[in-house]
Amino acid sequence: MEFEITVANDSHLGYAEELCQMYEQSAKERGTGIAKRDPEYIRKKMKQQNAIIALQNGVLAGFCYIETWSHEKYVANSGLIVAHEYRGEGLAKKIKRKVFKYAREKYPSAKVFGITTSLAVMKINYELGYRPVTFSELTQDDAFWNGCQSCPNFDILTRNNRKMCLCTGMLAPSKEEMPIINLSHLILQEEDALV
């Protein structure tokens, strides 16, 4: 199956409501670990060109966006989602690789991180060079952690003083910290040739 995977912009604003419905449905299905998203926030990410969108003949197939924290010292690739009918096609991996590479180009000094309860996302992150870390190694920006308030596990996070939750924290070094010969970089180049 062929997908158009590109940086989202103003021409994609009409997909924001549908994306939020996808997030809400996925949260219900999984029963854990997905914070609520607001359509206006998604539109803002598109306008800033801080998102990757996947379409299949104009139909929304998947999405992921970039957030910056601690004065751009940290970048999170958040909200990775794939529509039900396109799951099992390797699309999540393609989107994640594209957003990872894009974030690295746009914010080369930033460490790329994420928190997730999804084993599939953890595996993709690991392939990209992320490693599991304690929450103390992630941004300490209050605005990031406040974004977890709509997650059903927020009480666990706050009860543990933001040191642990059901999510796993993962961190990749900045582009500038990576060695010259880098397996993740070679994987990204291979993937770009296939897309």
Protein backbone atom coordinates (compact mmCIF):
# COMPACT_ATOMS: atom_id res chain seq x y z
CA MET A 1 0.00 0.00 0.00
CA GLU A 2 1.35 3.42 -0.96
CA PHE A 3 1.17 6.34 1.47
CA GLU A 4 1.93 10.02 1.13
CA ILE A 5 3.95 10.81 4.27
CA THR A 6 4.78 14.49 4.53
CA VAL A 7 5.22 17.47 6.81
CA ALA A 8 1.74 18.68 7.77
CA ASN A 9 0.82 22.29 6.99
CA ASP A 10 -2.19 24.60 6.60
CA SER A 11 -3.63 22.40 3.85
CA HIS A 12 -4.13 19.61 6.42
CA LEU A 13 -6.04 21.59 9.08
CA GLY A 14 -9.31 19.84 8.18
CA TYR A 15 -7.97 16.56 9.59
CA ALA A 16 -7.59 17.89 13.17
CA GLU A 17 -11.07 16.86 14.41
CA GLU A 18 -10.74 13.38 12.91
CA LEU A 19 -7.33 12.96 14.54
CA CYS A 20 -8.70 13.86 17.96
CA GLN A 21 -11.48 11.31 17.50
CA MET A 22 -8.85 8.70 16.59
CA TYR A 23 -6.88 9.52 19.77
CA GLU A 24 -10.00 9.30 21.91
CA GLN A 25 -11.04 5.97 20.39
CA SER A 26 -7.55 4.55 20.82
CA ALA A 27 -7.47 5.64 24.46
CA LYS A 28 -10.78 3.85 25.08
CA GLU A 29 -9.57 0.70 23.37
CA ARG A 30 -6.27 0.57 25.23
CA GLY A 31 -7.72 1.77 28.53
CA THR A 32 -4.47 3.44 29.53
CA GLY A 33 -1.74 5.88 28.77
CA ILE A 34 -3.14 8.22 26.11
CA ALA A 35 -3.58 11.88 26.99
CA LYS A 36 -6.47 13.74 25.39
CA ARG A 37 -5.65 15.98 22.40
CA ASP A 38 -7.39 19.21 21.45
CA PRO A 39 -8.15 19.97 17.75
CA GLU A 40 -6.82 23.52 18.08
CA TYR A 41 -3.54 22.19 19.45
CA ILE A 42 -3.26 19.78 16.49
CA ARG A 43 -3.99 22.65 14.07
CA LYS A 44 -1.26 24.71 15.74
CA LYS A 45 1.26 21.89 15.16
CA MET A 46 0.25 21.76 11.49
CA LYS A 47 0.54 25.54 11.06
CA GLN A 48 4.01 25.46 12.66
CA GLN A 49 4.96 22.55 10.39
CA ASN A 50 5.77 20.52 13.48
CA ALA A 51 3.91 17.38 12.44
CA ILE A 52 4.04 14.51 9.99
CA ILE A 53 0.85 13.29 8.35
CA ALA A 54 0.23 10.14 6.34
CA LEU A 55 -2.51 10.00 3.73
CA GLN A 56 -3.70 7.25 1.44
CA ASN A 57 -5.45 8.79 -1.57
CA GLY A 58 -6.46 11.79 0.57
CA VAL A 59 -7.75 9.63 3.45
CA LEU A 60 -6.15 10.17 6.86
CA ALA A 61 -3.94 7.17 7.62
CA GLY A 62 -1.64 8.36 10.42
CA PHE A 63 -0.03 11.25 12.24
CA CYS A 64 2.68 12.29 14.72
CA TYR A 65 3.74 15.71 15.95
CA ILE A 66 6.78 17.43 17.43
CA GLU A 67 6.89 19.29 20.73
CA THR A 68 9.85 21.28 22.05
CA TRP A 69 10.66 21.64 25.74
CA SER A 70 13.19 23.35 28.01
CA HIS A 71 14.10 26.03 25.44
CA GLU A 72 14.49 23.44 22.63
CA LYS A 73 16.94 21.29 24.62
CA TYR A 74 14.44 18.44 24.34
CA VAL A 75 12.12 17.40 21.53
CA ALA A 76 9.28 14.90 21.88
CA ASN A 77 7.73 13.08 18.93
CA SER A 78 4.23 12.68 20.32
CA GLY A 79 0.81 11.45 19.38
CA LEU A 80 1.81 8.71 16.95
CA ILE A 81 -1.40 7.21 15.65
CA VAL A 82 -2.44 5.02 12.73
CA ALA A 83 -6.04 4.53 11.59
CA HIS A 84 -7.38 1.00 12.17
CA GLU A 85 -7.67 0.15 8.50
CA TYR A 86 -3.96 0.88 7.92
CA ARG A 87 -2.51 -0.98 10.89
CA GLY A 88 -0.25 -3.91 10.14
CA GLU A 89 1.17 -2.16 7.04
CA GLY A 90 4.33 -0.84 8.74
CA LEU A 91 2.95 2.68 8.60
CA ALA A 92 3.65 3.54 12.25
CA LYS A 93 7.33 2.77 11.73
CA LYS A 94 7.45 4.89 8.56
CA ILE A 95 5.79 7.86 10.28
CA LYS A 96 8.01 7.55 13.35
CA ARG A 97 11.18 7.40 11.27
CA LYS A 98 10.09 10.42 9.23
CA VAL A 99 9.20 12.52 12.29
CA PHE A 100 12.42 11.46 14.05
CA LYS A 101 14.57 12.48 11.08
CA TYR A 102 12.62 15.72 10.62
CA ALA A 103 12.91 16.64 14.31
CA ARG A 104 16.65 15.95 14.19
CA GLU A 105 17.04 18.25 11.16
CA LYS A 106 14.87 21.01 12.59
CA TYR A 107 16.30 20.82 16.14
CA PRO A 108 19.83 19.31 15.80
CA SER A 109 20.90 20.25 19.35
CA ALA A 110 17.85 18.75 21.03
CA LYS A 111 17.65 15.34 22.65
CA VAL A 112 14.67 13.43 21.29
CA PHE A 113 12.53 11.72 23.91
CA GLY A 114 9.19 10.14 24.49
CA ILE A 115 7.08 8.37 27.07
CA THR A 116 4.83 5.51 26.09
CA THR A 117 3.00 2.43 27.29
CA SER A 118 3.02 0.93 23.78
CA LEU A 119 5.42 -1.96 23.21
CA ALA A 120 5.27 -1.37 19.44
CA VAL A 121 6.35 2.27 19.88
CA MET A 122 9.12 1.21 22.28
CA LYS A 123 10.47 -1.19 19.65
CA ILE A 124 10.42 1.48 16.94
CA ASN A 125 12.08 3.98 19.30
CA TYR A 126 14.79 1.47 20.16
CA GLU A 127 15.55 0.93 16.44
CA LEU A 128 15.96 4.70 16.10
CA GLY A 129 18.53 4.88 18.89
CA TYR A 130 16.32 5.67 21.88
CA ARG A 131 17.17 3.96 25.16
CA PRO A 132 14.99 3.51 28.25
CA VAL A 133 15.79 6.11 30.92
CA THR A 134 14.42 7.30 34.23
CA PHE A 135 12.10 10.29 34.08
CA SER A 136 14.83 12.42 35.71
CA GLU A 137 16.74 12.29 32.38
CA LEU A 138 13.80 13.80 30.48
CA THR A 139 12.67 17.39 30.37
CA GLN A 140 11.59 18.75 33.71
CA ASP A 141 9.41 21.39 32.03
CA ASP A 142 6.14 21.55 33.99
CA ALA A 143 4.16 22.16 30.81
CA PHE A 144 5.21 18.75 29.45
CA TRP A 145 4.15 16.87 32.57
CA ASN A 146 0.93 18.88 32.86
CA GLY A 147 0.02 17.44 29.46
CA CYS A 148 -0.37 14.08 31.23
CA GLN A 149 -3.30 15.37 33.31
CA SER A 150 -5.93 13.88 31.00
CA CYS A 151 -4.27 10.45 31.12
CA PRO A 152 -6.01 7.94 33.43
CA ASN A 153 -2.61 7.23 35.06
CA PHE A 154 -1.89 10.83 36.07
CA ASP A 155 -2.45 10.00 39.75
CA ILE A 156 0.37 7.43 39.54
CA LEU A 157 2.71 10.02 38.04
CA THR A 158 1.91 12.66 40.66
CA ARG A 159 1.94 10.19 43.55
CA ASN A 160 5.51 9.31 42.52
CA ASN A 161 6.60 12.96 42.18
CA ARG A 162 6.99 12.55 38.38
CA LYS A 163 9.71 9.96 38.88
CA MET A 164 7.76 7.02 37.42
CA CYS A 165 4.45 5.96 35.95
CA LEU A 166 3.16 3.16 33.73
CA CYS A 167 4.86 4.85 30.77
CA THR A 168 8.45 4.09 29.87
CA GLY A 169 10.70 7.09 29.29
CA MET A 170 12.97 6.81 26.26
CA LEU A 171 15.72 9.17 25.14
CA ALA A 172 17.84 9.49 21.98
CA PRO A 173 20.92 11.70 21.87
CA SER A 174 20.86 14.89 19.83
CA LYS A 175 22.01 14.79 16.21
CA GLU A 176 25.14 16.65 17.31
CA GLU A 177 25.92 13.99 19.94
CA MET A 178 25.72 11.06 17.52
CA PRO A 179 28.95 9.48 16.27
CA ILE A 180 29.90 9.95 12.62
CA ILE A 181 29.09 6.34 11.72
CA ASN A 182 25.57 5.77 12.97
CA LEU A 183 23.39 2.74 12.37
CA SER A 184 20.19 4.75 13.00
CA HIS A 185 21.24 7.22 10.29
CA LEU A 186 21.80 4.38 7.82
CA ILE A 187 18.38 2.91 8.65
CA LEU A 188 16.76 6.31 8.05
CA GLN A 189 18.50 6.65 4.67
CA GLU A 190 17.31 3.17 3.64
CA GLU A 191 13.76 3.98 4.71
CA ASP A 192 13.76 7.26 2.76
CA ALA A 193 14.74 5.33 -0.38
CA LEU A 194 11.73 3.03 0.10
CA VAL A 195 9.09 5.70 0.80
